[in-house]
Amino acid sequence: MKYTDLKAKQQEFVQWLFDDGNHDQDKTTFQRGYLKRIANDNGMGWAPAWIVKDTNRVSKRGFYIVPELADFIRSAGDDGAEDEEDVLIERMRDEAASESESSLEEIPVESSAQTVAV
C-alpha cells in the first residue's frame, strides 16, 4: 500500500514515525512496543490496529512492516525541500552581506581636517 492510499489518521501516524527520526527508507520494520510508544507520545492509547492486526505486516513475532513510511520518505525527498533550503540559505547570505555593507556606510569617518581642529 502507498502512503497516499492511507486515511488521514493513518498518514498522521506514518508522519509521527518519520518525526521520531525514522528517515531511512530501508528500515521500515518496528517492534510492537516502539509503535505503542509512538502512539502514546501522540495521545493514542495503543499501537494502531491497522498495523498490528494485519497479518501481512508481520515480519516475525512482535515486528511489523510499515512500507508506507518508505513511500513517505521518498515523496518527502522529491518535494524540492533541498532546493528550497538552498534558496533560503542563499537569501540569508545575501541579506547578511547587504547588512554588513550598509553598516560600513553608516560609520562616520573623520577627515584629517576635523581631527586636527579638535
Protein backbone atom coordinates (compact mmCIF):
# COMPACT_ATOMS: atom_id res chain seq x y z
CA MET A 1 0.00 0.00 0.00
CA LYS A 2 1.18 3.53 -0.72
CA TYR A 3 1.26 6.42 1.72
CA THR A 4 -1.31 8.30 -0.37
CA ASP A 5 -3.72 5.34 -0.09
CA LEU A 6 -3.87 5.67 3.70
CA LYS A 7 -6.59 7.51 5.59
CA ALA A 8 -5.68 10.84 7.19
CA LYS A 9 -5.13 9.39 10.69
CA GLN A 10 -3.00 6.60 9.27
CA GLN A 11 -0.91 9.12 7.33
CA GLU A 12 -0.51 11.08 10.55
CA PHE A 13 0.90 8.01 12.31
CA VAL A 14 3.41 7.46 9.48
CA GLN A 15 4.46 11.11 9.85
CA TRP A 16 4.94 10.54 13.60
CA LEU A 17 7.29 7.66 12.79
CA PHE A 18 9.21 9.96 10.46
CA ASP A 19 9.29 12.78 13.03
CA ASP A 20 10.75 10.36 15.58
CA GLY A 21 13.86 10.04 13.43
CA ASN A 22 12.97 7.20 11.08
CA HIS A 23 14.35 8.65 7.85
CA ASP A 24 15.86 5.51 6.28
CA GLN A 25 13.50 4.08 3.68
CA ASP A 26 15.18 0.67 4.07
CA LYS A 27 14.25 0.44 7.77
CA THR A 28 10.50 0.17 7.99
CA THR A 29 10.14 -2.73 10.42
CA PHE A 30 9.28 -1.84 14.02
CA GLN A 31 8.64 -3.64 17.28
CA ARG A 32 5.14 -3.50 18.69
CA GLY A 33 6.41 -1.73 21.83
CA TYR A 34 8.00 1.00 19.73
CA LEU A 35 4.80 1.52 17.76
CA LYS A 36 2.91 1.74 21.05
CA ARG A 37 5.37 4.32 22.40
CA ILE A 38 4.96 6.47 19.28
CA ALA A 39 1.19 6.18 19.66
CA ASN A 40 1.33 7.04 23.39
CA ASP A 41 3.62 10.02 22.79
CA ASN A 42 1.00 11.41 20.42
CA GLY A 43 -2.10 10.82 22.54
CA MET A 44 -3.12 7.35 21.36
CA GLY A 45 -3.59 4.52 23.84
CA TRP A 46 -2.35 1.63 21.67
CA ALA A 47 -0.30 0.81 18.63
CA PRO A 48 -2.56 1.28 15.60
CA ALA A 49 -4.70 -1.77 14.80
CA TRP A 50 -4.31 -1.18 11.06
CA ILE A 51 -0.66 -2.15 11.58
CA VAL A 52 -0.58 -4.69 14.42
CA LYS A 53 -3.75 -6.59 13.46
CA ASP A 54 -2.74 -7.00 9.82
CA THR A 55 -1.04 -10.40 9.50
CA ASN A 56 0.51 -9.32 6.17
CA ARG A 57 2.60 -6.76 8.07
CA VAL A 58 4.21 -9.27 10.46
CA SER A 59 7.88 -9.85 9.66
CA LYS A 60 8.45 -12.01 12.74
CA ARG A 61 6.83 -12.27 16.12
CA GLY A 62 6.31 -8.77 17.52
CA PHE A 63 7.76 -6.98 14.47
CA TYR A 64 5.65 -5.14 11.91
CA ILE A 65 6.44 -3.73 8.48
CA VAL A 66 5.22 -0.22 7.62
CA PRO A 67 6.12 0.15 3.91
CA GLU A 68 4.14 3.38 3.70
CA LEU A 69 6.96 5.04 5.66
CA ALA A 70 9.40 4.32 2.80
CA ASP A 71 6.89 5.79 0.35
CA PHE A 72 6.51 8.86 2.57
CA ILE A 73 10.30 9.31 2.80
CA ARG A 74 10.66 9.04 -0.99
CA SER A 75 7.89 11.56 -1.58
CA ALA A 76 9.34 13.93 1.03
CA GLY A 77 12.68 13.81 -0.79
CA ASP A 78 11.01 14.59 -4.11
CA ASP A 79 9.20 17.72 -2.95
CA GLY A 80 12.16 20.01 -3.62
CA ALA A 81 12.85 20.69 0.05
CA GLU A 82 16.58 20.72 -0.58
CA ASP A 83 16.15 23.29 -3.35
CA GLU A 84 14.02 25.47 -1.07
CA GLU A 85 16.66 25.15 1.65
CA ASP A 86 19.42 26.20 -0.75
CA VAL A 87 17.37 29.22 -1.83
CA LEU A 88 16.79 30.19 1.80
CA ILE A 89 20.49 29.87 2.66
CA GLU A 90 21.46 31.97 -0.36
CA ARG A 91 18.91 34.64 0.58
CA MET A 92 20.23 34.75 4.15
CA ARG A 93 23.79 35.15 2.86
CA ASP A 94 22.71 38.00 0.57
CA GLU A 95 20.90 39.73 3.43
CA ALA A 96 23.92 39.35 5.73
CA ALA A 97 26.23 40.74 3.04
CA SER A 98 23.98 43.72 2.37
CA GLU A 99 23.65 44.43 6.11
CA SER A 100 27.42 44.41 6.58
CA GLU A 101 27.86 46.75 3.58
CA SER A 102 25.21 49.16 4.87
CA SER A 103 26.67 49.13 8.37
CA LEU A 104 30.05 50.15 6.94
CA GLU A 105 28.39 53.07 5.17
CA GLU A 106 26.82 54.27 8.42
CA ILE A 107 30.11 54.54 10.32
CA PRO A 108 31.16 58.21 10.37
CA VAL A 109 34.69 58.74 9.19
CA GLU A 110 36.52 61.80 10.43
CA SER A 111 38.60 63.65 7.95
CA SER A 112 42.14 64.67 8.84
CA ALA A 113 40.98 68.31 8.91
CA GLN A 114 38.39 67.52 11.62
CA THR A 115 40.95 65.59 13.67
CA VAL A 116 43.44 68.48 13.63
CA ALA A 117 40.79 71.04 14.54
CA VAL A 118 39.91 69.25 17.78
